[in-house]
Amino acid sequence: MIEERLAALKVSLPNPPKPAGSYIPVVKTGNLVFVSGQIPVKDGKVQFQGKVPTNISVEDAQSAAKLCIINALAQLKDELGTLDKISKIIKVSGFVNSTPEFTDQPKVINAASDFLFDIFGEKGKHSRIAVGVASLPLNSAVEIDLIAEVT
């Protein structure tokens, strides 16, 4: 069912990106699944680099946030076998590589939140944090992690 929604949105999940450090991409404990921070990687390359809004527009940063969620979903599918096991998106943490005066981090991470709602409906509504940071790994514009509940 979730795969059908993704197809309707013209989204295909990639092979999950490999970790960029000494960690595992997904940890399951009980009925919770924690996805490590995902950056906007496609075909092994960071697609959106630099600071918002100096090097990256808010619109491009929103595209980066959506790509981070696509990568998180790829990690979840790899771990769970199917996204239909997800009963609720619990929390999203979004980090935006931004200049000190930039204050629209929520607008950037809204793209991730809205995309999750488009895919999961009410089960995609979640708690969230959107934070501006001085830098991110590989000069990524955005990094997102999430917690999901599974059946």
Protein backbone atom coordinates (compact mmCIF):
# COMPACT_ATOMS: atom_id res chain seq x y z
CA MET A 1 0.00 0.00 0.00
CA ILE A 2 2.76 2.46 0.93
CA GLU A 3 4.71 1.36 -2.16
CA GLU A 4 1.63 2.19 -4.25
CA ARG A 5 1.45 5.68 -2.73
CA LEU A 6 5.12 6.23 -3.52
CA ALA A 7 4.55 5.06 -7.11
CA ALA A 8 1.56 7.41 -7.42
CA LEU A 9 3.86 10.24 -6.32
CA LYS A 10 6.41 9.06 -8.92
CA VAL A 11 8.95 8.22 -6.21
CA SER A 12 11.08 5.10 -6.36
CA LEU A 13 13.25 4.19 -3.42
CA PRO A 14 16.98 3.86 -4.13
CA ASN A 15 19.30 1.32 -2.62
CA PRO A 16 19.89 2.65 0.88
CA PRO A 17 22.97 4.85 1.14
CA LYS A 18 25.92 3.40 3.01
CA PRO A 19 26.82 5.01 6.35
CA ALA A 20 29.37 7.82 6.14
CA GLY A 21 30.83 6.91 9.54
CA SER A 22 31.08 4.32 12.29
CA TYR A 23 27.40 3.62 12.90
CA ILE A 24 24.55 1.51 11.61
CA PRO A 25 21.77 3.15 9.59
CA VAL A 26 18.83 1.60 11.47
CA VAL A 27 18.30 0.32 15.01
CA LYS A 28 15.13 -1.53 15.97
CA THR A 29 14.21 -1.96 19.61
CA GLY A 30 10.79 -3.23 20.61
CA ASN A 31 8.28 -1.60 18.30
CA LEU A 32 10.44 1.46 17.59
CA VAL A 33 12.83 1.91 14.68
CA PHE A 34 15.46 4.65 14.75
CA VAL A 35 16.91 5.80 11.42
CA SER A 36 20.31 7.48 11.62
CA GLY A 37 20.75 10.89 10.05
CA GLN A 38 20.28 10.85 6.29
CA ILE A 39 21.75 13.43 3.97
CA PRO A 40 20.58 14.22 0.42
CA VAL A 41 22.64 11.56 -1.35
CA LYS A 42 21.66 10.20 -4.75
CA ASP A 43 23.78 7.77 -6.76
CA GLY A 44 26.55 8.07 -4.15
CA LYS A 45 26.85 11.87 -4.37
CA VAL A 46 25.55 14.65 -2.14
CA GLN A 47 23.05 16.52 -4.30
CA PHE A 48 22.61 19.69 -2.23
CA GLN A 49 25.69 21.22 -0.58
CA GLY A 50 26.38 24.47 1.19
CA LYS A 51 24.63 26.95 3.43
CA VAL A 52 21.02 28.03 3.18
CA PRO A 53 20.29 30.64 1.84
CA THR A 54 23.79 31.74 0.70
CA ASN A 55 24.68 28.69 -1.48
CA ILE A 56 21.33 26.86 -1.54
CA SER A 57 17.88 28.41 -1.95
CA VAL A 58 15.09 27.55 0.46
CA GLU A 59 13.36 25.68 -2.40
CA ASP A 60 16.47 23.58 -3.11
CA ALA A 61 16.87 22.94 0.62
CA GLN A 62 13.27 21.68 0.64
CA SER A 63 14.18 19.30 -2.19
CA ALA A 64 17.16 18.20 -0.10
CA ALA A 65 14.86 17.52 2.88
CA LYS A 66 12.57 15.39 0.70
CA LEU A 67 15.57 13.43 -0.59
CA CYS A 68 16.70 12.85 3.00
CA ILE A 69 13.27 11.31 3.73
CA ILE A 70 13.44 9.17 0.60
CA ASN A 71 16.78 7.84 1.84
CA ALA A 72 15.35 7.25 5.32
CA LEU A 73 12.47 5.29 3.79
CA ALA A 74 14.97 3.26 1.76
CA GLN A 75 16.77 2.43 5.02
CA LEU A 76 13.48 1.42 6.64
CA LYS A 77 12.46 -0.78 3.72
CA ASP A 78 15.87 -2.47 3.77
CA GLU A 79 15.50 -3.17 7.51
CA LEU A 80 11.81 -4.12 7.60
CA GLY A 81 11.31 -5.68 4.17
CA THR A 82 8.23 -3.53 3.60
CA LEU A 83 7.13 -0.03 4.57
CA ASP A 84 3.66 -1.38 5.35
CA LYS A 85 4.99 -2.45 8.77
CA ILE A 86 5.22 1.23 9.76
CA SER A 87 2.26 2.08 11.99
CA LYS A 88 3.32 5.66 12.86
CA ILE A 89 6.06 8.18 12.19
CA ILE A 90 6.90 9.32 15.72
CA LYS A 91 9.54 12.02 15.36
CA VAL A 92 11.57 13.82 12.72
CA SER A 93 14.72 15.76 13.55
CA GLY A 94 15.85 18.14 10.83
CA PHE A 95 19.14 19.98 10.68
CA VAL A 96 19.74 22.79 8.18
CA ASN A 97 23.24 24.00 7.32
CA SER A 98 22.42 27.69 7.45
CA THR A 99 23.83 31.14 7.97
CA PRO A 100 23.48 32.63 11.46
CA GLU A 101 20.76 35.09 10.39
CA PHE A 102 18.62 32.45 8.61
CA THR A 103 15.50 31.58 10.64
CA ASP A 104 13.33 29.61 8.19
CA GLN A 105 14.58 26.14 9.16
CA PRO A 106 10.97 25.03 9.82
CA LYS A 107 10.03 26.00 6.26
CA VAL A 108 12.84 23.77 4.94
CA ILE A 109 11.90 20.77 7.09
CA ASN A 110 8.19 21.23 6.30
CA ALA A 111 8.97 19.63 2.93
CA ALA A 112 9.97 16.43 4.75
CA SER A 113 6.96 16.54 7.07
CA ASP A 114 4.51 17.23 4.24
CA PHE A 115 6.00 14.40 2.17
CA LEU A 116 5.57 11.95 5.06
CA PHE A 117 1.94 13.02 5.41
CA ASP A 118 1.43 12.55 1.65
CA ILE A 119 2.74 8.99 1.94
CA PHE A 120 1.37 7.82 5.29
CA GLY A 121 -1.64 10.08 5.83
CA GLU A 122 -2.51 10.50 9.52
CA LYS A 123 0.16 7.92 10.44
CA GLY A 124 2.72 10.31 8.97
CA LYS A 125 1.99 13.15 11.41
CA HIS A 126 4.84 13.42 13.90
CA SER A 127 6.61 15.53 16.47
CA ARG A 128 9.57 17.43 15.11
CA ILE A 129 12.55 19.67 15.60
CA ALA A 130 14.06 21.95 12.92
CA VAL A 131 17.45 23.35 13.85
CA GLY A 132 19.99 25.55 12.13
CA VAL A 133 23.59 24.36 12.39
CA ALA A 134 26.98 25.76 11.41
CA SER A 135 27.89 22.77 9.23
CA LEU A 136 26.87 19.21 8.32
CA PRO A 137 28.77 16.13 7.13
CA LEU A 138 30.08 16.37 3.54
CA ASN A 139 28.86 20.00 3.47
CA SER A 140 25.30 18.73 3.10
CA ALA A 141 22.58 21.38 3.16
CA VAL A 142 20.21 19.22 5.24
CA GLU A 143 20.33 16.13 7.47
CA ILE A 144 17.27 14.33 8.84
CA ASP A 145 16.78 11.41 11.18
CA LEU A 146 13.51 9.83 12.24
CA ILE A 147 11.83 7.47 14.65
CA ALA A 148 8.99 5.22 13.51
CA GLU A 149 6.70 2.77 15.26
CA VAL A 150 6.25 -0.61 13.61
CA THR A 151 3.84 -3.51 13.96
